[in-house]
Amino acid sequence: MMPNHHITKPVLIGEVKADGQFNVSGRPKARSSPTSWSPYLEGSKDLIADWRSPMSCGNFNVVTGKCGGASK
């Protein structure tokens, strides 16, 4: 489990066949590491999720140094 409470997952690359089944064409050795917030969206590019001290926050703004959402 990562500090943002997400887990890594294996990735399969493939195509959907006419019968609805999948034809797997690739299986990278590295696992996918998800991010909590999109670095491409203006409203979330400065946010991270890190549930370790001292942040303990799911939407910590690295620019302002503050956690958004409900207070403790």
N, C-alpha and C. Protein backbone atom coordinates (compact mmCIF):
# COMPACT_ATOMS: atom_id res chain seq x y z
N MET A 1 0.84 -1.17 0.00
CA MET A 1 0.00 0.00 0.00
C MET A 1 0.89 1.24 0.00
N MET A 2 0.48 2.22 -0.77
CA MET A 2 1.24 3.45 -0.89
C MET A 2 0.74 4.48 0.13
N PRO A 3 1.51 5.56 0.37
CA PRO A 3 1.09 6.58 1.34
C PRO A 3 -0.26 7.23 1.01
N ASN A 4 -0.68 7.18 -0.27
CA ASN A 4 -1.96 7.78 -0.64
C ASN A 4 -3.13 6.78 -0.51
N HIS A 5 -2.86 5.64 0.10
CA HIS A 5 -3.84 4.57 0.33
C HIS A 5 -4.26 3.86 -0.96
N HIS A 6 -3.55 4.07 -2.04
CA HIS A 6 -3.79 3.32 -3.26
C HIS A 6 -2.85 2.12 -3.28
N ILE A 7 -3.21 1.13 -4.04
CA ILE A 7 -2.35 -0.04 -4.18
C ILE A 7 -1.84 -0.10 -5.61
N THR A 8 -0.74 -0.79 -5.82
CA THR A 8 -0.25 -0.97 -7.17
C THR A 8 -0.94 -2.18 -7.79
N LYS A 9 -1.11 -2.14 -9.09
CA LYS A 9 -1.82 -3.21 -9.79
C LYS A 9 -1.02 -3.64 -11.01
N PRO A 10 -1.11 -4.91 -11.37
CA PRO A 10 -0.47 -5.34 -12.62
C PRO A 10 -1.26 -4.78 -13.81
N VAL A 11 -0.56 -4.58 -14.92
CA VAL A 11 -1.18 -4.02 -16.12
C VAL A 11 -1.15 -5.07 -17.22
N LEU A 12 -2.25 -5.20 -17.92
CA LEU A 12 -2.33 -6.06 -19.09
C LEU A 12 -2.70 -5.19 -20.28
N ILE A 13 -2.01 -5.38 -21.39
CA ILE A 13 -2.30 -4.63 -22.61
C ILE A 13 -2.87 -5.61 -23.62
N GLY A 14 -3.97 -5.21 -24.23
CA GLY A 14 -4.58 -6.13 -25.18
C GLY A 14 -5.67 -5.50 -26.00
N GLU A 15 -6.44 -6.35 -26.63
CA GLU A 15 -7.53 -5.89 -27.48
C GLU A 15 -8.76 -6.75 -27.22
N VAL A 16 -9.92 -6.13 -27.45
CA VAL A 16 -11.18 -6.85 -27.28
C VAL A 16 -11.50 -7.56 -28.59
N LYS A 17 -11.79 -8.84 -28.49
CA LYS A 17 -12.14 -9.63 -29.67
C LYS A 17 -13.63 -9.48 -29.97
N ALA A 18 -14.05 -9.92 -31.13
CA ALA A 18 -15.44 -9.80 -31.57
C ALA A 18 -16.41 -10.49 -30.62
N ASP A 19 -15.95 -11.56 -29.94
CA ASP A 19 -16.83 -12.29 -29.04
C ASP A 19 -16.85 -11.69 -27.63
N GLY A 20 -16.18 -10.53 -27.44
CA GLY A 20 -16.18 -9.88 -26.14
C GLY A 20 -15.06 -10.31 -25.21
N GLN A 21 -14.31 -11.30 -25.60
CA GLN A 21 -13.17 -11.74 -24.81
C GLN A 21 -11.95 -10.88 -25.13
N PHE A 22 -10.88 -11.06 -24.39
CA PHE A 22 -9.68 -10.24 -24.58
C PHE A 22 -8.53 -11.08 -25.12
N ASN A 23 -7.75 -10.45 -25.97
CA ASN A 23 -6.52 -11.04 -26.47
C ASN A 23 -5.38 -10.23 -25.85
N VAL A 24 -4.69 -10.78 -24.85
CA VAL A 24 -3.61 -10.08 -24.16
C VAL A 24 -2.37 -10.09 -25.04
N SER A 25 -1.86 -8.88 -25.36
CA SER A 25 -0.69 -8.78 -26.23
C SER A 25 0.56 -8.33 -25.48
N GLY A 26 0.40 -7.86 -24.25
CA GLY A 26 1.56 -7.43 -23.49
C GLY A 26 1.29 -7.47 -22.00
N ARG A 27 2.35 -7.68 -21.25
CA ARG A 27 2.25 -7.75 -19.80
C ARG A 27 3.53 -7.15 -19.22
N PRO A 28 3.57 -5.79 -19.03
CA PRO A 28 4.77 -5.16 -18.49
C PRO A 28 5.15 -5.73 -17.12
N LYS A 29 6.45 -5.79 -16.86
CA LYS A 29 6.91 -6.33 -15.57
C LYS A 29 6.63 -5.37 -14.42
N ALA A 30 6.67 -4.06 -14.69
CA ALA A 30 6.43 -3.08 -13.64
C ALA A 30 4.93 -2.96 -13.36
N ARG A 31 4.61 -2.71 -12.11
CA ARG A 31 3.21 -2.51 -11.73
C ARG A 31 2.84 -1.05 -11.91
N SER A 32 1.58 -0.78 -12.13
CA SER A 32 1.09 0.59 -12.27
C SER A 32 0.96 1.24 -10.90
N SER A 33 1.49 2.45 -10.77
CA SER A 33 1.38 3.19 -9.51
C SER A 33 0.43 4.36 -9.72
N PRO A 34 -0.78 4.27 -9.19
CA PRO A 34 -1.76 5.32 -9.42
C PRO A 34 -1.44 6.60 -8.65
N THR A 35 -1.94 7.71 -9.16
CA THR A 35 -1.82 8.99 -8.46
C THR A 35 -3.20 9.39 -7.98
N SER A 36 -3.24 10.14 -6.90
CA SER A 36 -4.52 10.55 -6.32
C SER A 36 -5.16 11.70 -7.07
N TRP A 37 -4.35 12.60 -7.58
CA TRP A 37 -4.84 13.80 -8.24
C TRP A 37 -4.14 13.96 -9.58
N SER A 38 -4.84 14.53 -10.55
CA SER A 38 -4.27 14.71 -11.89
C SER A 38 -3.30 15.89 -11.92
N PRO A 39 -2.09 15.67 -12.43
CA PRO A 39 -1.14 16.78 -12.57
C PRO A 39 -1.50 17.69 -13.73
N TYR A 40 -2.51 17.35 -14.51
CA TYR A 40 -2.88 18.12 -15.70
C TYR A 40 -4.07 19.05 -15.46
N LEU A 41 -4.81 18.87 -14.37
CA LEU A 41 -5.97 19.70 -14.10
C LEU A 41 -5.62 20.83 -13.15
N GLU A 42 -6.03 22.04 -13.50
CA GLU A 42 -5.71 23.22 -12.70
C GLU A 42 -6.16 23.07 -11.25
N GLY A 43 -7.32 22.50 -11.01
CA GLY A 43 -7.84 22.38 -9.65
C GLY A 43 -7.16 21.33 -8.78
N SER A 44 -6.36 20.46 -9.39
CA SER A 44 -5.75 19.40 -8.58
C SER A 44 -4.26 19.22 -8.81
N LYS A 45 -3.65 20.03 -9.66
CA LYS A 45 -2.24 19.80 -10.01
C LYS A 45 -1.29 20.01 -8.83
N ASP A 46 -1.70 20.78 -7.82
CA ASP A 46 -0.84 21.03 -6.65
C ASP A 46 -1.21 20.15 -5.45
N LEU A 47 -2.12 19.18 -5.65
CA LEU A 47 -2.58 18.34 -4.54
C LEU A 47 -1.87 16.98 -4.54
N ILE A 48 -1.64 16.48 -3.34
CA ILE A 48 -1.15 15.12 -3.16
C ILE A 48 -1.98 14.48 -2.05
N ALA A 49 -1.95 13.17 -1.98
CA ALA A 49 -2.59 12.45 -0.88
C ALA A 49 -1.49 11.70 -0.14
N ASP A 50 -1.33 12.01 1.12
CA ASP A 50 -0.31 11.35 1.93
C ASP A 50 -0.85 11.22 3.34
N TRP A 51 -1.16 10.00 3.73
CA TRP A 51 -1.79 9.77 5.02
C TRP A 51 -0.78 9.54 6.14
N ARG A 52 0.50 9.79 5.87
CA ARG A 52 1.51 9.68 6.91
C ARG A 52 1.65 11.02 7.62
N SER A 53 2.12 11.00 8.86
CA SER A 53 2.38 12.24 9.59
C SER A 53 3.52 12.97 8.92
N PRO A 54 3.54 14.27 8.89
CA PRO A 54 2.64 15.20 9.57
C PRO A 54 1.44 15.59 8.72
N MET A 55 1.36 15.15 7.45
CA MET A 55 0.26 15.58 6.59
C MET A 55 -1.06 14.94 6.96
N SER A 56 -1.12 13.63 6.96
CA SER A 56 -2.35 12.88 7.26
C SER A 56 -3.54 13.48 6.52
N CYS A 57 -3.40 13.58 5.21
CA CYS A 57 -4.40 14.30 4.44
C CYS A 57 -4.56 13.67 3.05
N GLY A 58 -5.78 13.65 2.57
CA GLY A 58 -6.06 13.12 1.25
C GLY A 58 -6.02 14.16 0.15
N ASN A 59 -5.97 15.44 0.54
CA ASN A 59 -5.86 16.51 -0.46
C ASN A 59 -4.99 17.65 0.08
N PHE A 60 -3.70 17.33 0.26
CA PHE A 60 -2.73 18.30 0.77
C PHE A 60 -2.20 19.14 -0.38
N ASN A 61 -2.28 20.47 -0.23
CA ASN A 61 -1.82 21.39 -1.25
C ASN A 61 -0.35 21.69 -0.99
N VAL A 62 0.53 21.28 -1.91
CA VAL A 62 1.97 21.47 -1.71
C VAL A 62 2.40 22.92 -1.87
N VAL A 63 1.58 23.76 -2.49
CA VAL A 63 1.91 25.18 -2.64
C VAL A 63 1.56 25.96 -1.38
N THR A 64 0.34 25.74 -0.87
CA THR A 64 -0.09 26.47 0.33
C THR A 64 0.35 25.81 1.61
N GLY A 65 0.68 24.51 1.55
CA GLY A 65 1.07 23.78 2.74
C GLY A 65 -0.10 23.45 3.65
N LYS A 66 -1.31 23.46 3.08
CA LYS A 66 -2.52 23.20 3.87
C LYS A 66 -3.32 22.04 3.32
N CYS A 67 -4.05 21.40 4.21
CA CYS A 67 -4.94 20.32 3.84
C CYS A 67 -6.33 20.88 3.60
N GLY A 68 -6.95 20.51 2.50
CA GLY A 68 -8.31 20.94 2.21
C GLY A 68 -9.31 19.98 2.82
N GLY A 69 -10.56 20.30 2.71
CA GLY A 69 -11.61 19.42 3.23
C GLY A 69 -11.92 19.66 4.70
N ALA A 70 -12.50 18.67 5.32
CA ALA A 70 -12.94 18.78 6.71
C ALA A 70 -11.75 18.91 7.65
N SER A 71 -11.92 19.70 8.68
CA SER A 71 -10.85 19.84 9.68
C SER A 71 -10.94 18.70 10.68
N LYS A 72 -9.83 18.47 11.38
CA LYS A 72 -9.77 17.36 12.32
C LYS A 72 -10.53 17.66 13.58
